[in-house]
C-alpha atoms as a PDB file:
ATOM      1  CA  MET A   1      10.006 -36.179 -23.942  1.00  0.00           C
ATOM      2  CA  ALA A   2       8.333 -32.824 -23.291  1.00  0.00           C
ATOM      3  CA  SER A   3       9.897 -29.781 -24.866  1.00  0.00           C
ATOM      4  CA  VAL A   4      11.042 -26.826 -22.759  1.00  0.00           C
ATOM      5  CA  PHE A   5       8.791 -24.694 -24.945  1.00  0.00           C
ATOM      6  CA  ASP A   6       5.706 -26.912 -24.471  1.00  0.00           C
ATOM      7  CA  VAL A   7       2.678 -24.860 -23.342  1.00  0.00           C
ATOM      8  CA  ASP A   8       1.307 -27.678 -21.173  1.00  0.00           C
ATOM      9  CA  ASN A   9       4.675 -27.984 -19.410  1.00  0.00           C
ATOM     10  CA  PHE A  10       4.715 -24.232 -18.790  1.00  0.00           C
ATOM     11  CA  LEU A  11       1.144 -24.186 -17.436  1.00  0.00           C
ATOM     12  CA  ALA A  12       1.877 -27.159 -15.152  1.00  0.00           C
ATOM     13  CA  LYS A  13       4.831 -25.263 -13.673  1.00  0.00           C
ATOM     14  CA  VAL A  14       2.696 -22.147 -13.164  1.00  0.00           C
ATOM     15  CA  ASP A  15      -0.029 -24.208 -11.443  1.00  0.00           C
ATOM     16  CA  GLY A  16       2.637 -25.749  -9.201  1.00  0.00           C
ATOM     17  CA  LEU A  17       3.536 -22.216  -8.057  1.00  0.00           C
ATOM     18  CA  GLY A  18      -0.063 -21.320  -7.217  1.00  0.00           C
ATOM     19  CA  SER A  19      -1.281 -20.078 -10.615  1.00  0.00           C
ATOM     20  CA  PHE A  20      -1.235 -16.479 -11.844  1.00  0.00           C
ATOM     21  CA  ILE A  21      -2.592 -13.662  -9.660  1.00  0.00           C
ATOM     22  CA  ARG A  22      -4.764 -10.902 -11.074  1.00  0.00           C
ATOM     23  CA  LYS A  23      -4.311  -7.285  -9.967  1.00  0.00           C
ATOM     24  CA  ASN A  24      -8.006  -6.809  -9.217  1.00  0.00           C
ATOM     25  CA  ARG A  25      -8.198  -9.408  -6.412  1.00  0.00           C
ATOM     26  CA  TYR A  26      -7.035  -7.540  -3.320  1.00  0.00           C
ATOM     27  CA  THR A  27      -8.166  -6.113  -0.019  1.00  0.00           C
ATOM     28  CA  VAL A  28      -6.799  -3.341   2.173  1.00  0.00           C
ATOM     29  CA  GLU A  29      -7.268  -3.441   5.935  1.00  0.00           C
ATOM     30  CA  ILE A  30      -6.757  -0.115   7.701  1.00  0.00           C
ATOM     31  CA  ILE A  31      -6.180  -0.280  11.458  1.00  0.00           C
ATOM     32  CA  PRO A  32      -6.160   3.266  12.875  1.00  0.00           C
ATOM     33  CA  PRO A  33      -4.413   4.280  16.099  1.00  0.00           C
ATOM     34  CA  SER A  34      -6.224   3.290  19.276  1.00  0.00           C
ATOM     35  CA  VAL A  35      -6.985   6.944  20.140  1.00  0.00           C
ATOM     36  CA  LEU A  36      -9.221   7.240  17.060  1.00  0.00           C
ATOM     37  CA  HIS A  37     -12.648   5.639  16.895  1.00  0.00           C
ATOM     38  CA  PHE A  38     -14.151   5.428  13.430  1.00  0.00           C
ATOM     39  CA  GLN A  39     -17.665   4.257  12.745  1.00  0.00           C
ATOM     40  CA  ASP A  40     -17.491   4.021   8.952  1.00  0.00           C
ATOM     41  CA  ASN A  41     -15.860   1.139   7.112  1.00  0.00           C
ATOM     42  CA  ILE A  42     -14.130   2.668   4.081  1.00  0.00           C
ATOM     43  CA  GLU A  43     -11.990  -0.294   3.034  1.00  0.00           C
ATOM     44  CA  PHE A  44     -14.434  -1.354   0.317  1.00  0.00           C
ATOM     45  CA  LEU A  45     -13.976   2.073  -1.343  1.00  0.00           C
ATOM     46  CA  VAL A  46     -10.299   1.405  -2.168  1.00  0.00           C
ATOM     47  CA  LYS A  47      -9.917   1.912  -5.913  1.00  0.00           C
ATOM     48  CA  GLY A  48      -6.253   0.942  -6.124  1.00  0.00           C
ATOM     49  CA  VAL A  49      -3.153   0.307  -4.040  1.00  0.00           C
ATOM     50  CA  SER A  50       0.386  -0.904  -4.581  1.00  0.00           C
ATOM     51  CA  PHE A  51       2.678  -3.136  -2.612  1.00  0.00           C
ATOM     52  CA  PRO A  52       5.624  -1.157  -1.211  1.00  0.00           C
ATOM     53  CA  ALA A  53       8.917  -1.034  -3.073  1.00  0.00           C
ATOM     54  CA  ARG A  54      12.364  -1.698  -1.646  1.00  0.00           C
ATOM     55  CA  SER A  55      15.722  -0.509  -2.876  1.00  0.00           C
ATOM     56  CA  PHE A  56      19.307  -0.056  -1.758  1.00  0.00           C
ATOM     57  CA  GLY A  57      21.516   2.980  -1.548  1.00  0.00           C
ATOM     58  CA  THR A  58      24.664   2.127  -3.490  1.00  0.00           C
ATOM     59  CA  THR A  59      28.171   3.378  -3.997  1.00  0.00           C
ATOM     60  CA  ASN A  60      30.920   2.589  -6.499  1.00  0.00           C
ATOM     61  CA  PHE A  61      33.714   0.407  -5.191  1.00  0.00           C
ATOM     62  CA  ARG A  62      36.977   0.689  -7.077  1.00  0.00           C
ATOM     63  CA  TYR A  63      39.432  -2.148  -6.925  1.00  0.00           C
ATOM     64  CA  GLY A  64      43.012  -1.084  -7.536  1.00  0.00           C
ATOM     65  CA  GLY A  65      41.964   1.373 -10.218  1.00  0.00           C
ATOM     66  CA  LYS A  66      41.252  -1.561 -12.531  1.00  0.00           C
ATOM     67  CA  TYR A  67      37.515  -1.764 -12.364  1.00  0.00           C
ATOM     68  CA  SER A  68      34.552  -0.350 -10.520  1.00  0.00           C
ATOM     69  CA  MET A  69      31.486  -2.138  -9.273  1.00  0.00           C
ATOM     70  CA  GLU A  70      28.325  -0.887  -7.617  1.00  0.00           C
ATOM     71  CA  ILE A  71      27.696  -2.234  -4.103  1.00  0.00           C
ATOM     72  CA  PRO A  72      24.861  -1.665  -1.622  1.00  0.00           C
ATOM     73  CA  TYR A  73      25.545   0.082   1.673  1.00  0.00           C
ATOM     74  CA  GLU A  74      22.120   0.934   3.138  1.00  0.00           C
ATOM     75  CA  THR A  75      18.395   0.491   2.823  1.00  0.00           C
ATOM     76  CA  PRO A  76      16.797   3.948   2.649  1.00  0.00           C
ATOM     77  CA  PRO A  77      13.346   4.480   4.169  1.00  0.00           C
ATOM     78  CA  GLY A  78      10.558   3.238   1.928  1.00  0.00           C
ATOM     79  CA  GLU A  79       8.584   5.606  -0.227  1.00  0.00           C
ATOM     80  CA  ALA A  80       5.015   6.272   0.834  1.00  0.00           C
ATOM     81  CA  VAL A  81       2.396   3.832  -0.426  1.00  0.00           C
ATOM     82  CA  SER A  82      -0.484   5.471  -2.302  1.00  0.00           C
ATOM     83  CA  ILE A  83      -4.024   4.271  -1.752  1.00  0.00           C
ATOM     84  CA  ALA A  84      -6.687   5.573  -4.150  1.00  0.00           C
ATOM     85  CA  PHE A  85     -10.259   5.842  -2.856  1.00  0.00           C
ATOM     86  CA  LEU A  86     -13.606   6.291  -4.573  1.00  0.00           C
ATOM     87  CA  GLU A  87     -15.907   8.712  -2.795  1.00  0.00           C
ATOM     88  CA  THR A  88     -19.635   8.567  -2.067  1.00  0.00           C
ATOM     89  CA  GLY A  89     -22.222  11.256  -1.297  1.00  0.00           C
ATOM     90  CA  LYS A  90     -21.571  11.350   2.465  1.00  0.00           C
ATOM     91  CA  PHE A  91     -17.780  11.555   1.978  1.00  0.00           C
ATOM     92  CA  PRO A  92     -16.907   8.824   4.506  1.00  0.00           C
ATOM     93  CA  ALA A  93     -13.432   8.090   3.102  1.00  0.00           C
ATOM     94  CA  ARG A  94     -12.317  11.696   2.943  1.00  0.00           C
ATOM     95  CA  LYS A  95     -13.693  12.428   6.443  1.00  0.00           C
ATOM     96  CA  TYR A  96     -11.905   9.338   7.780  1.00  0.00           C
ATOM     97  CA  TRP A  97      -8.538  10.599   6.569  1.00  0.00           C
ATOM     98  CA  TYR A  98      -9.281  14.244   7.529  1.00  0.00           C
ATOM     99  CA  HIS A  99      -9.987  13.050  11.056  1.00  0.00           C
ATOM    100  CA  TRP A 100      -6.752  11.004  11.226  1.00  0.00           C
ATOM    101  CA  ILE A 101      -4.640  13.898   9.908  1.00  0.00           C
ATOM    102  CA  GLN A 102      -6.407  16.338  12.236  1.00  0.00           C
ATOM    103  CA  SER A 103      -5.499  14.032  15.127  1.00  0.00           C
ATOM    104  CA  ILE A 104      -1.804  14.266  14.156  1.00  0.00           C
ATOM    105  CA  GLN A 105      -1.801  18.061  14.194  1.00  0.00           C
ATOM    106  CA  SER A 106      -4.817  20.109  15.176  1.00  0.00           C
ATOM    107  CA  THR A 107      -5.532  23.089  12.928  1.00  0.00           C
ATOM    108  CA  ASN A 108      -6.844  24.900  16.018  1.00  0.00           C
ATOM    109  CA  THR A 109      -3.787  24.607  18.274  1.00  0.00           C
ATOM    110  CA  TYR A 110      -1.142  23.431  15.765  1.00  0.00           C
ATOM    111  CA  ASN A 111       0.160  21.063  18.446  1.00  0.00           C
ATOM    112  CA  MET A 112       1.622  17.811  17.157  1.00  0.00           C
ATOM    113  CA  ARG A 113       0.764  14.515  18.807  1.00  0.00           C
ATOM    114  CA  TYR A 114       3.445  12.097  19.851  1.00  0.00           C
ATOM    115  CA  TYR A 115       4.367   9.570  17.148  1.00  0.00           C
ATOM    116  CA  ASP A 116       3.107   6.605  19.189  1.00  0.00           C
ATOM    117  CA  GLU A 117      -0.347   8.213  19.379  1.00  0.00           C
ATOM    118  CA  PHE A 118      -1.004   8.581  15.629  1.00  0.00           C
ATOM    119  CA  LYS A 119       0.541   5.506  14.041  1.00  0.00           C
ATOM    120  CA  GLY A 120      -1.614   2.651  12.815  1.00  0.00           C
ATOM    121  CA  THR A 121      -1.286  -0.395  10.583  1.00  0.00           C
ATOM    122  CA  VAL A 122      -2.234  -1.086   6.971  1.00  0.00           C
ATOM    123  CA  LYS A 123      -2.444  -4.619   5.548  1.00  0.00           C
ATOM    124  CA  ILE A 124      -2.517  -5.183   1.792  1.00  0.00           C
ATOM    125  CA  SER A 125      -3.623  -8.658   0.676  1.00  0.00           C
ATOM    126  CA  ALA A 126      -3.701 -10.346  -2.735  1.00  0.00           C
ATOM    127  CA  TYR A 127      -5.895 -13.345  -3.588  1.00  0.00           C
ATOM    128  CA  SER A 128      -5.737 -16.100  -6.160  1.00  0.00           C
ATOM    129  CA  GLU A 129      -8.573 -16.869  -8.574  1.00  0.00           C
ATOM    130  CA  THR A 130      -9.659 -19.846  -6.467  1.00  0.00           C
ATOM    131  CA  GLU A 131     -10.253 -17.814  -3.288  1.00  0.00           C
ATOM    132  CA  SER A 132     -13.840 -16.689  -2.867  1.00  0.00           C
ATOM    133  CA  GLU A 133     -13.521 -15.528   0.763  1.00  0.00           C
ATOM    134  CA  PRO A 134     -11.092 -12.891   2.081  1.00  0.00           C
ATOM    135  CA  GLY A 135      -9.928 -15.188   4.909  1.00  0.00           C
ATOM    136  CA  ASN A 136      -7.107 -16.904   3.042  1.00  0.00           C
ATOM    137  CA  PRO A 137      -5.003 -14.490   0.947  1.00  0.00           C
ATOM    138  CA  SER A 138      -2.063 -15.670  -1.141  1.00  0.00           C
ATOM    139  CA  HIS A 139       0.152 -12.771  -0.075  1.00  0.00           C
ATOM    140  CA  VAL A 140      -0.095 -10.181   2.739  1.00  0.00           C
ATOM    141  CA  VAL A 141       2.145  -7.170   3.336  1.00  0.00           C
ATOM    142  CA  LYS A 142       1.811  -5.209   6.575  1.00  0.00           C
ATOM    143  CA  LEU A 143       2.837  -1.553   6.781  1.00  0.00           C
ATOM    144  CA  VAL A 144       4.062  -1.130  10.361  1.00  0.00           C
ATOM    145  CA  ASP A 145       3.615   2.196  12.184  1.00  0.00           C
ATOM    146  CA  ALA A 146       1.673   3.676   9.274  1.00  0.00           C
ATOM    147  CA  TRP A 147       0.168   7.172   9.154  1.00  0.00           C
ATOM    148  CA  PRO A 148      -1.346   9.407   6.476  1.00  0.00           C
ATOM    149  CA  LYS A 149       1.362  11.658   5.058  1.00  0.00           C
ATOM    150  CA  SER A 150      -0.908  13.518   2.635  1.00  0.00           C
ATOM    151  CA  ILE A 151      -4.330  13.581   1.020  1.00  0.00           C
ATOM    152  CA  SER A 152      -4.559  14.625  -2.604  1.00  0.00           C
ATOM    153  CA  ALA A 153      -6.813  17.364  -3.886  1.00  0.00           C
ATOM    154  CA  ILE A 154     -10.017  16.442  -5.695  1.00  0.00           C
ATOM    155  CA  GLU A 155     -10.284  18.197  -9.039  1.00  0.00           C
ATOM    156  CA  MET A 156     -13.873  19.003  -9.962  1.00  0.00           C
ATOM    157  CA  GLY A 157     -15.253  20.624 -13.090  1.00  0.00           C
ATOM    158  CA  TRP A 158     -18.361  20.983 -15.230  1.00  0.00           C
ATOM    159  CA  GLU A 159     -16.851  19.186 -18.202  1.00  0.00           C
ATOM    160  CA  GLY A 160     -16.420  15.768 -16.585  1.00  0.00           C
ATOM    161  CA  ALA A 161     -18.821  13.227 -15.144  1.00  0.00           C
ATOM    162  CA  GLU A 162     -16.231  10.804 -13.762  1.00  0.00           C
ATOM    163  CA  LEU A 163     -16.502   9.259 -10.332  1.00  0.00           C
ATOM    164  CA  MET A 164     -14.902  11.307  -7.570  1.00  0.00           C
ATOM    165  CA  ASP A 165     -11.669   9.844  -6.246  1.00  0.00           C
ATOM    166  CA  PHE A 166      -8.599  10.896  -4.298  1.00  0.00           C
ATOM    167  CA  THR A 167      -5.305   9.465  -3.077  1.00  0.00           C
ATOM    168  CA  VAL A 168      -3.829   9.115   0.392  1.00  0.00           C
ATOM    169  CA  ASP A 169      -0.064   8.660   0.747  1.00  0.00           C
ATOM    170  CA  ILE A 170       0.762   6.401   3.677  1.00  0.00           C
ATOM    171  CA  ALA A 171       4.171   6.745   5.351  1.00  0.00           C
ATOM    172  CA  TYR A 172       5.419   3.839   7.464  1.00  0.00           C
ATOM    173  CA  LYS A 173       8.374   2.719   9.556  1.00  0.00           C
ATOM    174  CA  LYS A 174       8.865  -0.622   7.800  1.00  0.00           C
ATOM    175  CA  TRP A 175       6.939  -3.283   5.957  1.00  0.00           C
ATOM    176  CA  GLU A 176       6.728  -6.992   6.663  1.00  0.00           C
ATOM    177  CA  ILE A 177       5.548  -9.984   4.684  1.00  0.00           C
ATOM    178  CA  GLU A 178       2.923 -11.816   6.721  1.00  0.00           C
ATOM    179  CA  ARG A 179       2.146 -14.445   4.120  1.00  0.00           C
END
């Protein structure tokens, strides 16, 4: 009889659940609002991204003064998802996000667009080791009604020779699991 602590038994169970997933096998698909028309594909410049978190707002419920327990009462809006981008010499990623943010509020007129005109979609996909094509991800999360909340500064200096990168915080209405 196989032991609970048997490595082969453990690995067989992991394989039955689809094997382990590595953090470096992902894609990000950015679908801008229909009013924007971008020519550059910047999705391959994504350096890092995270799946969105979810939490509950809670309160303490007291029962007859005897004991207290924490119970959920709401789901607060999700925190923005950060996407880190590497930059190249023509600055396509930064210009992409500048253009999207400029379309939300013009720095010339300071007029805000209507929400329905500047929201897009972001899909974050993770892949197993066996997938060689991006057509069949193991897990996909879609950020619905997404828009760029902020773009980080890029710190430059003479002392460093690192690759240039920056972060975009994406706000969204909700997120859904597609796969």
